[in-house]
C-alpha atoms as a PDB file:
ATOM      1  CA  MET A   1      62.616 139.343  31.505  1.00  0.00           C
ATOM      2  CA  ASN A   2      59.745 141.730  30.800  1.00  0.00           C
ATOM      3  CA  VAL A   3      58.510 142.619  34.274  1.00  0.00           C
ATOM      4  CA  LEU A   4      55.670 144.760  32.934  1.00  0.00           C
ATOM      5  CA  SER A   5      54.153 141.821  31.056  1.00  0.00           C
ATOM      6  CA  TYR A   6      52.870 140.636  34.443  1.00  0.00           C
ATOM      7  CA  GLN A   7      50.039 142.144  36.462  1.00  0.00           C
ATOM      8  CA  SER A   8      51.859 142.028  39.796  1.00  0.00           C
ATOM      9  CA  ILE A   9      55.008 141.093  41.687  1.00  0.00           C
ATOM     10  CA  PRO A  10      53.318 138.068  43.324  1.00  0.00           C
ATOM     11  CA  ALA A  11      52.436 136.879  39.802  1.00  0.00           C
ATOM     12  CA  ILE A  12      56.147 137.041  38.905  1.00  0.00           C
ATOM     13  CA  LEU A  13      57.071 135.046  42.016  1.00  0.00           C
ATOM     14  CA  LYS A  14      54.396 132.460  41.220  1.00  0.00           C
ATOM     15  CA  ASP A  15      55.778 132.057  37.694  1.00  0.00           C
ATOM     16  CA  ASN A  16      59.410 131.927  38.851  1.00  0.00           C
ATOM     17  CA  ALA A  17      58.579 129.210  41.380  1.00  0.00           C
ATOM     18  CA  VAL A  18      57.853 127.001  38.358  1.00  0.00           C
ATOM     19  CA  LYS A  19      60.439 128.308  35.870  1.00  0.00           C
ATOM     20  CA  TYR A  20      63.336 128.417  38.330  1.00  0.00           C
ATOM     21  CA  ALA A  21      62.068 125.943  40.910  1.00  0.00           C
ATOM     22  CA  ARG A  22      65.474 124.590  41.999  1.00  0.00           C
ATOM     23  CA  LYS A  23      67.498 127.757  41.478  1.00  0.00           C
ATOM     24  CA  THR A  24      68.503 129.893  44.446  1.00  0.00           C
ATOM     25  CA  ALA A  25      66.028 132.674  45.160  1.00  0.00           C
ATOM     26  CA  ILE A  26      67.545 134.087  48.330  1.00  0.00           C
ATOM     27  CA  SER A  27      70.497 133.471  50.635  1.00  0.00           C
ATOM     28  CA  TYR A  28      70.670 134.418  54.298  1.00  0.00           C
ATOM     29  CA  LYS A  29      72.942 134.011  57.285  1.00  0.00           C
ATOM     30  CA  LYS A  30      71.923 131.889  60.268  1.00  0.00           C
ATOM     31  CA  ARG A  31      74.229 131.264  63.236  1.00  0.00           C
ATOM     32  CA  GLY A  32      77.262 132.205  61.160  1.00  0.00           C
ATOM     33  CA  THR A  33      76.390 129.979  58.197  1.00  0.00           C
ATOM     34  CA  PHE A  34      74.960 131.054  54.854  1.00  0.00           C
ATOM     35  CA  LEU A  35      71.863 129.111  53.811  1.00  0.00           C
ATOM     36  CA  SER A  36      69.685 129.365  50.718  1.00  0.00           C
ATOM     37  CA  LEU A  37      66.120 128.837  49.622  1.00  0.00           C
ATOM     38  CA  SER A  38      65.163 127.905  46.075  1.00  0.00           C
ATOM     39  CA  TYR A  39      62.356 129.751  44.313  1.00  0.00           C
ATOM     40  CA  GLU A  40      60.056 126.814  44.985  1.00  0.00           C
ATOM     41  CA  GLU A  41      60.928 126.771  48.705  1.00  0.00           C
ATOM     42  CA  PHE A  42      60.688 130.536  49.070  1.00  0.00           C
ATOM     43  CA  TYR A  43      57.305 130.617  47.323  1.00  0.00           C
ATOM     44  CA  GLU A  44      56.004 127.861  49.598  1.00  0.00           C
ATOM     45  CA  ARG A  45      56.979 129.846  52.691  1.00  0.00           C
ATOM     46  CA  VAL A  46      55.271 132.900  51.247  1.00  0.00           C
ATOM     47  CA  LEU A  47      52.096 130.884  50.635  1.00  0.00           C
ATOM     48  CA  PHE A  48      52.168 129.546  54.205  1.00  0.00           C
ATOM     49  CA  LEU A  49      52.365 133.088  55.526  1.00  0.00           C
ATOM     50  CA  ALA A  50      49.665 134.371  53.171  1.00  0.00           C
ATOM     51  CA  ARG A  51      47.395 131.591  54.438  1.00  0.00           C
ATOM     52  CA  GLY A  52      48.112 132.622  58.031  1.00  0.00           C
ATOM     53  CA  LEU A  53      47.427 136.278  57.308  1.00  0.00           C
ATOM     54  CA  GLY A  54      44.139 135.338  55.680  1.00  0.00           C
ATOM     55  CA  LYS A  55      43.120 133.372  58.758  1.00  0.00           C
ATOM     56  CA  ALA A  56      44.147 136.359  60.890  1.00  0.00           C
ATOM     57  CA  GLY A  57      41.589 138.442  59.016  1.00  0.00           C
ATOM     58  CA  VAL A  58      43.726 140.361  56.519  1.00  0.00           C
ATOM     59  CA  LYS A  59      41.572 141.658  53.688  1.00  0.00           C
ATOM     60  CA  PRO A  60      42.472 143.443  50.434  1.00  0.00           C
ATOM     61  CA  GLY A  61      43.926 146.855  51.188  1.00  0.00           C
ATOM     62  CA  ASP A  62      44.640 146.185  54.879  1.00  0.00           C
ATOM     63  CA  ARG A  63      47.885 147.717  56.118  1.00  0.00           C
ATOM     64  CA  VAL A  64      50.435 145.354  57.667  1.00  0.00           C
ATOM     65  CA  ALA A  65      53.619 146.848  59.140  1.00  0.00           C
ATOM     66  CA  ILE A  66      57.118 145.352  59.225  1.00  0.00           C
ATOM     67  CA  PHE A  67      59.282 146.702  62.080  1.00  0.00           C
ATOM     68  CA  SER A  68      62.540 144.926  61.363  1.00  0.00           C
ATOM     69  CA  GLU A  69      66.134 144.953  60.195  1.00  0.00           C
ATOM     70  CA  ASN A  70      67.084 143.118  56.977  1.00  0.00           C
ATOM     71  CA  ARG A  71      66.561 139.375  57.282  1.00  0.00           C
ATOM     72  CA  LEU A  72      64.847 136.437  55.592  1.00  0.00           C
ATOM     73  CA  GLY A  73      61.631 137.028  57.514  1.00  0.00           C
ATOM     74  CA  TRP A  74      61.361 140.549  56.083  1.00  0.00           C
ATOM     75  CA  ALA A  75      61.299 139.263  52.502  1.00  0.00           C
ATOM     76  CA  ILE A  76      58.846 136.451  53.291  1.00  0.00           C
ATOM     77  CA  SER A  77      56.585 138.881  55.152  1.00  0.00           C
ATOM     78  CA  ASP A  78      56.577 141.412  52.315  1.00  0.00           C
ATOM     79  CA  PHE A  79      55.660 138.854  49.649  1.00  0.00           C
ATOM     80  CA  GLY A  80      53.205 137.121  52.002  1.00  0.00           C
ATOM     81  CA  ILE A  81      51.405 140.393  52.679  1.00  0.00           C
ATOM     82  CA  GLN A  82      51.148 141.046  48.946  1.00  0.00           C
ATOM     83  CA  CYS A  83      49.810 137.550  48.253  1.00  0.00           C
ATOM     84  CA  ALA A  84      47.167 138.125  50.941  1.00  0.00           C
ATOM     85  CA  ARG A  85      46.399 141.363  49.050  1.00  0.00           C
ATOM     86  CA  GLY A  86      47.493 143.503  51.967  1.00  0.00           C
ATOM     87  CA  VAL A  87      49.686 146.617  51.862  1.00  0.00           C
ATOM     88  CA  THR A  88      53.207 146.511  53.319  1.00  0.00           C
ATOM     89  CA  VAL A  89      54.204 149.393  55.588  1.00  0.00           C
ATOM     90  CA  PRO A  90      57.943 149.284  56.434  1.00  0.00           C
ATOM     91  CA  ILE A  91      59.240 150.796  59.684  1.00  0.00           C
ATOM     92  CA  TYR A  92      62.977 151.255  60.126  1.00  0.00           C
ATOM     93  CA  ALA A  93      64.452 149.022  62.823  1.00  0.00           C
ATOM     94  CA  THR A  94      66.177 152.126  64.218  1.00  0.00           C
ATOM     95  CA  ASN A  95      62.944 154.087  64.638  1.00  0.00           C
ATOM     96  CA  THR A  96      62.003 155.158  68.147  1.00  0.00           C
ATOM     97  CA  PRO A  97      58.764 154.004  69.814  1.00  0.00           C
ATOM     98  CA  LYS A  98      57.289 157.465  69.206  1.00  0.00           C
ATOM     99  CA  GLN A  99      58.123 157.336  65.490  1.00  0.00           C
ATOM    100  CA  ALA A 100      56.707 153.818  65.181  1.00  0.00           C
ATOM    101  CA  ALA A 101      53.501 154.866  66.951  1.00  0.00           C
ATOM    102  CA  TYR A 102      52.949 157.711  64.501  1.00  0.00           C
ATOM    103  CA  ILE A 103      53.335 155.450  61.459  1.00  0.00           C
ATOM    104  CA  LEU A 104      51.188 152.643  62.871  1.00  0.00           C
ATOM    105  CA  ASN A 105      48.363 155.027  63.735  1.00  0.00           C
ATOM    106  CA  HIS A 106      48.594 157.031  60.527  1.00  0.00           C
ATOM    107  CA  CYS A 107      48.435 153.969  58.250  1.00  0.00           C
ATOM    108  CA  GLU A 108      45.938 152.197  60.555  1.00  0.00           C
ATOM    109  CA  ALA A 109      47.920 148.957  60.722  1.00  0.00           C
ATOM    110  CA  LYS A 110      46.236 146.118  62.602  1.00  0.00           C
ATOM    111  CA  ILE A 111      49.129 143.664  62.358  1.00  0.00           C
ATOM    112  CA  VAL A 112      52.827 144.313  62.972  1.00  0.00           C
ATOM    113  CA  PHE A 113      55.810 142.063  62.270  1.00  0.00           C
ATOM    114  CA  ALA A 114      58.397 142.881  64.965  1.00  0.00           C
ATOM    115  CA  SER A 115      61.697 141.141  64.297  1.00  0.00           C
ATOM    116  CA  THR A 116      63.119 140.769  67.804  1.00  0.00           C
ATOM    117  CA  LYS A 117      62.276 141.118  71.474  1.00  0.00           C
ATOM    118  CA  GLY A 118      63.849 144.570  71.354  1.00  0.00           C
ATOM    119  CA  GLN A 119      61.420 145.737  68.664  1.00  0.00           C
ATOM    120  CA  TYR A 120      58.523 144.110  70.505  1.00  0.00           C
ATOM    121  CA  GLU A 121      59.485 145.987  73.687  1.00  0.00           C
ATOM    122  CA  LYS A 122      59.354 149.256  71.753  1.00  0.00           C
ATOM    123  CA  LEU A 123      55.763 148.412  70.810  1.00  0.00           C
ATOM    124  CA  LEU A 124      54.957 147.328  74.358  1.00  0.00           C
ATOM    125  CA  SER A 125      56.159 150.701  75.670  1.00  0.00           C
ATOM    126  CA  ILE A 126      53.580 152.476  73.473  1.00  0.00           C
ATOM    127  CA  ARG A 127      50.794 149.924  73.796  1.00  0.00           C
ATOM    128  CA  ASP A 128      48.294 152.520  74.997  1.00  0.00           C
ATOM    129  CA  GLN A 129      49.165 154.755  72.031  1.00  0.00           C
ATOM    130  CA  ILE A 130      48.522 152.138  69.321  1.00  0.00           C
ATOM    131  CA  PRO A 131      45.005 150.843  70.105  1.00  0.00           C
ATOM    132  CA  GLY A 132      44.488 149.759  66.498  1.00  0.00           C
ATOM    133  CA  VAL A 133      47.233 147.112  66.600  1.00  0.00           C
ATOM    134  CA  GLU A 134      45.571 143.750  67.193  1.00  0.00           C
ATOM    135  CA  LEU A 135      48.361 141.279  66.467  1.00  0.00           C
ATOM    136  CA  VAL A 136      52.164 141.247  66.808  1.00  0.00           C
ATOM    137  CA  ILE A 137      54.223 138.633  64.976  1.00  0.00           C
ATOM    138  CA  SER A 138      57.925 138.086  65.670  1.00  0.00           C
ATOM    139  CA  TYR A 139      60.648 136.293  63.731  1.00  0.00           C
ATOM    140  CA  GLU A 140      62.112 135.046  67.011  1.00  0.00           C
ATOM    141  CA  ARG A 141      60.628 133.119  69.915  1.00  0.00           C
ATOM    142  CA  PHE A 142      60.364 134.838  73.303  1.00  0.00           C
ATOM    143  CA  MET A 143      57.844 135.410  76.071  1.00  0.00           C
ATOM    144  CA  GLY A 144      55.704 138.494  75.562  1.00  0.00           C
ATOM    145  CA  ASP A 145      53.652 140.442  78.062  1.00  0.00           C
ATOM    146  CA  ARG A 146      50.278 138.941  78.910  1.00  0.00           C
ATOM    147  CA  SER A 147      48.586 142.238  78.090  1.00  0.00           C
ATOM    148  CA  PHE A 148      50.147 142.321  74.621  1.00  0.00           C
ATOM    149  CA  PRO A 149      50.589 138.766  73.260  1.00  0.00           C
ATOM    150  CA  VAL A 150      53.154 138.030  70.573  1.00  0.00           C
ATOM    151  CA  PHE A 151      53.211 135.069  68.192  1.00  0.00           C
ATOM    152  CA  THR A 152      56.002 133.798  65.971  1.00  0.00           C
ATOM    153  CA  GLN A 153      55.932 133.869  62.197  1.00  0.00           C
ATOM    154  CA  TYR A 154      56.151 130.077  62.382  1.00  0.00           C
ATOM    155  CA  GLN A 155      52.962 129.942  64.475  1.00  0.00           C
ATOM    156  CA  LEU A 156      51.106 132.301  62.146  1.00  0.00           C
ATOM    157  CA  SER A 157      52.172 130.277  59.114  1.00  0.00           C
ATOM    158  CA  GLU A 158      51.135 126.983  60.760  1.00  0.00           C
ATOM    159  CA  VAL A 159      54.021 125.279  58.994  1.00  0.00           C
ATOM    160  CA  SER A 160      53.231 122.013  60.796  1.00  0.00           C
ATOM    161  CA  THR A 161      49.930 121.927  58.876  1.00  0.00           C
ATOM    162  CA  PRO A 162      50.674 121.058  55.226  1.00  0.00           C
ATOM    163  CA  LEU A 163      49.594 123.487  52.551  1.00  0.00           C
ATOM    164  CA  SER A 164      46.663 121.778  50.863  1.00  0.00           C
ATOM    165  CA  GLY A 165      45.805 122.040  47.195  1.00  0.00           C
ATOM    166  CA  GLU A 166      42.754 124.031  48.228  1.00  0.00           C
ATOM    167  CA  ASP A 167      44.902 126.450  50.255  1.00  0.00           C
ATOM    168  CA  LYS A 168      47.254 127.026  47.332  1.00  0.00           C
ATOM    169  CA  GLU A 169      44.419 127.449  44.850  1.00  0.00           C
ATOM    170  CA  LYS A 170      42.691 130.010  47.082  1.00  0.00           C
ATOM    171  CA  ILE A 171      45.836 132.121  47.480  1.00  0.00           C
ATOM    172  CA  GLU A 172      46.743 131.907  43.799  1.00  0.00           C
ATOM    173  CA  LYS A 173      43.244 133.076  42.881  1.00  0.00           C
ATOM    174  CA  GLN A 174      43.922 136.104  45.076  1.00  0.00           C
ATOM    175  CA  ILE A 175      47.225 136.654  43.284  1.00  0.00           C
ATOM    176  CA  ASP A 176      45.451 136.520  39.923  1.00  0.00           C
ATOM    177  CA  LYS A 177      43.121 139.338  41.052  1.00  0.00           C
ATOM    178  CA  ILE A 178      45.967 141.762  41.773  1.00  0.00           C
ATOM    179  CA  THR A 179      46.393 144.484  39.138  1.00  0.00           C
ATOM    180  CA  GLN A 180      49.229 146.888  38.357  1.00  0.00           C
ATOM    181  CA  ASP A 181      47.161 149.720  39.833  1.00  0.00           C
ATOM    182  CA  ASP A 182      46.775 148.079  43.248  1.00  0.00           C
ATOM    183  CA  LEU A 183      48.574 149.675  46.182  1.00  0.00           C
ATOM    184  CA  ILE A 184      51.606 147.614  47.221  1.00  0.00           C
ATOM    185  CA  THR A 185      53.323 149.659  49.935  1.00  0.00           C
ATOM    186  CA  ILE A 186      53.315 152.892  51.917  1.00  0.00           C
ATOM    187  CA  ILE A 187      56.838 154.145  52.573  1.00  0.00           C
ATOM    188  CA  TYR A 188      57.196 156.914  55.136  1.00  0.00           C
ATOM    189  CA  THR A 189      59.671 159.763  54.750  1.00  0.00           C
ATOM    190  CA  SER A 190      62.200 160.477  57.497  1.00  0.00           C
ATOM    191  CA  GLY A 191      60.196 163.412  58.828  1.00  0.00           C
ATOM    192  CA  THR A 192      63.156 165.811  58.961  1.00  0.00           C
ATOM    193  CA  THR A 193      60.973 168.759  57.912  1.00  0.00           C
ATOM    194  CA  GLY A 194      57.897 167.791  59.920  1.00  0.00           C
ATOM    195  CA  VAL A 195      55.885 164.650  60.556  1.00  0.00           C
ATOM    196  CA  PRO A 196      56.688 161.671  58.272  1.00  0.00           C
ATOM    197  CA  LYS A 197      54.652 161.550  55.079  1.00  0.00           C
ATOM    198  CA  GLY A 198      53.374 158.287  53.647  1.00  0.00           C
ATOM    199  CA  VAL A 199      54.270 157.747  49.983  1.00  0.00           C
ATOM    200  CA  LEU A 200      51.784 155.446  48.253  1.00  0.00           C
ATOM    201  CA  LEU A 201      53.297 153.133  45.644  1.00  0.00           C
ATOM    202  CA  THR A 202      51.420 150.777  43.328  1.00  0.00           C
ATOM    203  CA  GLN A 203      52.465 147.511  41.736  1.00  0.00           C
ATOM    204  CA  ARG A 204      53.081 149.467  38.527  1.00  0.00           C
ATOM    205  CA  ASN A 205      55.371 151.953  40.306  1.00  0.00           C
ATOM    206  CA  ILE A 206      57.594 149.200  41.684  1.00  0.00           C
ATOM    207  CA  MET A 207      57.501 147.021  38.570  1.00  0.00           C
ATOM    208  CA  THR A 208      58.424 149.901  36.262  1.00  0.00           C
ATOM    209  CA  ASN A 209      61.455 150.708  38.404  1.00  0.00           C
ATOM    210  CA  ALA A 210      62.398 147.021  38.522  1.00  0.00           C
ATOM    211  CA  GLN A 211      62.179 146.788  34.716  1.00  0.00           C
ATOM    212  CA  TYR A 212      64.407 149.824  34.197  1.00  0.00           C
ATOM    213  CA  GLY A 213      66.794 148.558  36.868  1.00  0.00           C
ATOM    214  CA  LEU A 214      67.178 145.198  35.131  1.00  0.00           C
ATOM    215  CA  GLU A 215      67.771 146.913  31.789  1.00  0.00           C
ATOM    216  CA  MET A 216      70.302 149.348  33.254  1.00  0.00           C
ATOM    217  CA  LEU A 217      72.237 146.543  34.976  1.00  0.00           C
ATOM    218  CA  GLY A 218      72.044 144.330  31.892  1.00  0.00           C
ATOM    219  CA  ILE A 219      70.394 141.462  33.749  1.00  0.00           C
ATOM    220  CA  GLU A 220      68.478 139.199  31.381  1.00  0.00           C
ATOM    221  CA  GLN A 221      68.612 135.818  33.102  1.00  0.00           C
ATOM    222  CA  ARG A 222      68.046 135.259  36.814  1.00  0.00           C
ATOM    223  CA  GLU A 223      71.570 133.987  37.411  1.00  0.00           C
ATOM    224  CA  GLN A 224      73.170 137.085  38.923  1.00  0.00           C
ATOM    225  CA  THR A 225      73.437 137.800  42.632  1.00  0.00           C
ATOM    226  CA  LEU A 226      72.328 141.183  43.946  1.00  0.00           C
ATOM    227  CA  LEU A 227      73.691 142.300  47.317  1.00  0.00           C
ATOM    228  CA  SER A 228      72.470 145.364  49.202  1.00  0.00           C
ATOM    229  CA  PHE A 229      73.531 146.778  52.559  1.00  0.00           C
ATOM    230  CA  LEU A 230      70.629 149.248  52.598  1.00  0.00           C
ATOM    231  CA  PRO A 231      67.629 148.641  54.896  1.00  0.00           C
ATOM    232  CA  SER A 232      64.759 146.764  53.230  1.00  0.00           C
ATOM    233  CA  ALA A 233      62.519 149.546  54.554  1.00  0.00           C
ATOM    234  CA  MET A 234      64.109 151.822  51.946  1.00  0.00           C
ATOM    235  CA  PHE A 235      62.555 151.866  48.490  1.00  0.00           C
ATOM    236  CA  TRP A 236      65.745 150.977  46.597  1.00  0.00           C
ATOM    237  CA  SER A 237      66.681 148.061  48.823  1.00  0.00           C
ATOM    238  CA  GLY A 238      63.144 146.692  48.719  1.00  0.00           C
ATOM    239  CA  LEU A 239      63.275 147.028  44.948  1.00  0.00           C
ATOM    240  CA  GLN A 240      66.357 144.790  44.860  1.00  0.00           C
ATOM    241  CA  ASP A 241      64.425 142.092  46.733  1.00  0.00           C
ATOM    242  CA  ILE A 242      62.021 142.072  43.801  1.00  0.00           C
ATOM    243  CA  MET A 243      64.684 142.237  41.077  1.00  0.00           C
END
């Protein structure tokens, strides 16, 4: 597959949802059992989320943070943010509240995906330090503090409301506007020699690495399974999600 023949990663996903509709796109573990989503199913979930982000006010270039360990929701969030033309800002699940506050303020994120109640409580503890955060979305259901409401990814996606043809067309028009020079993510360094530094990566940056990775591994057809134990917040693990 020639990754660089496309304008963006969302464009690749859109194409694969047709080409490999019934093939497995991603597998994940839930309550001790491995489950899978086909490309068609995964793309639909991404579109649902992109619709929700659009309704939440996400505009091209807006920063949206993901404060989470590796899980299905991370991948859906990342692709959904891209399809809404936002910029993904990963935060390691192991980061302290202070570290998270610095990243959220520096990138000016208005929306944060917090995977669990534990991650939400980190944000709650620094609520007064992150005035720019307007919305917190979790992958799990729990009661948040009244002063800092939290919604589930399911609620944001409004899965109970079918994706209309108009919804899909609107999002796919957004996808078609994405270019290889558009910013896709800001990945922060560990900050061992000072404050963390945000590394800006474009669609072209990620796609070029994906292309070379596929060539190096000898992957021509999308039949192989890639497994990574690295955090999705790391560049190389996130790259595997795309490959």
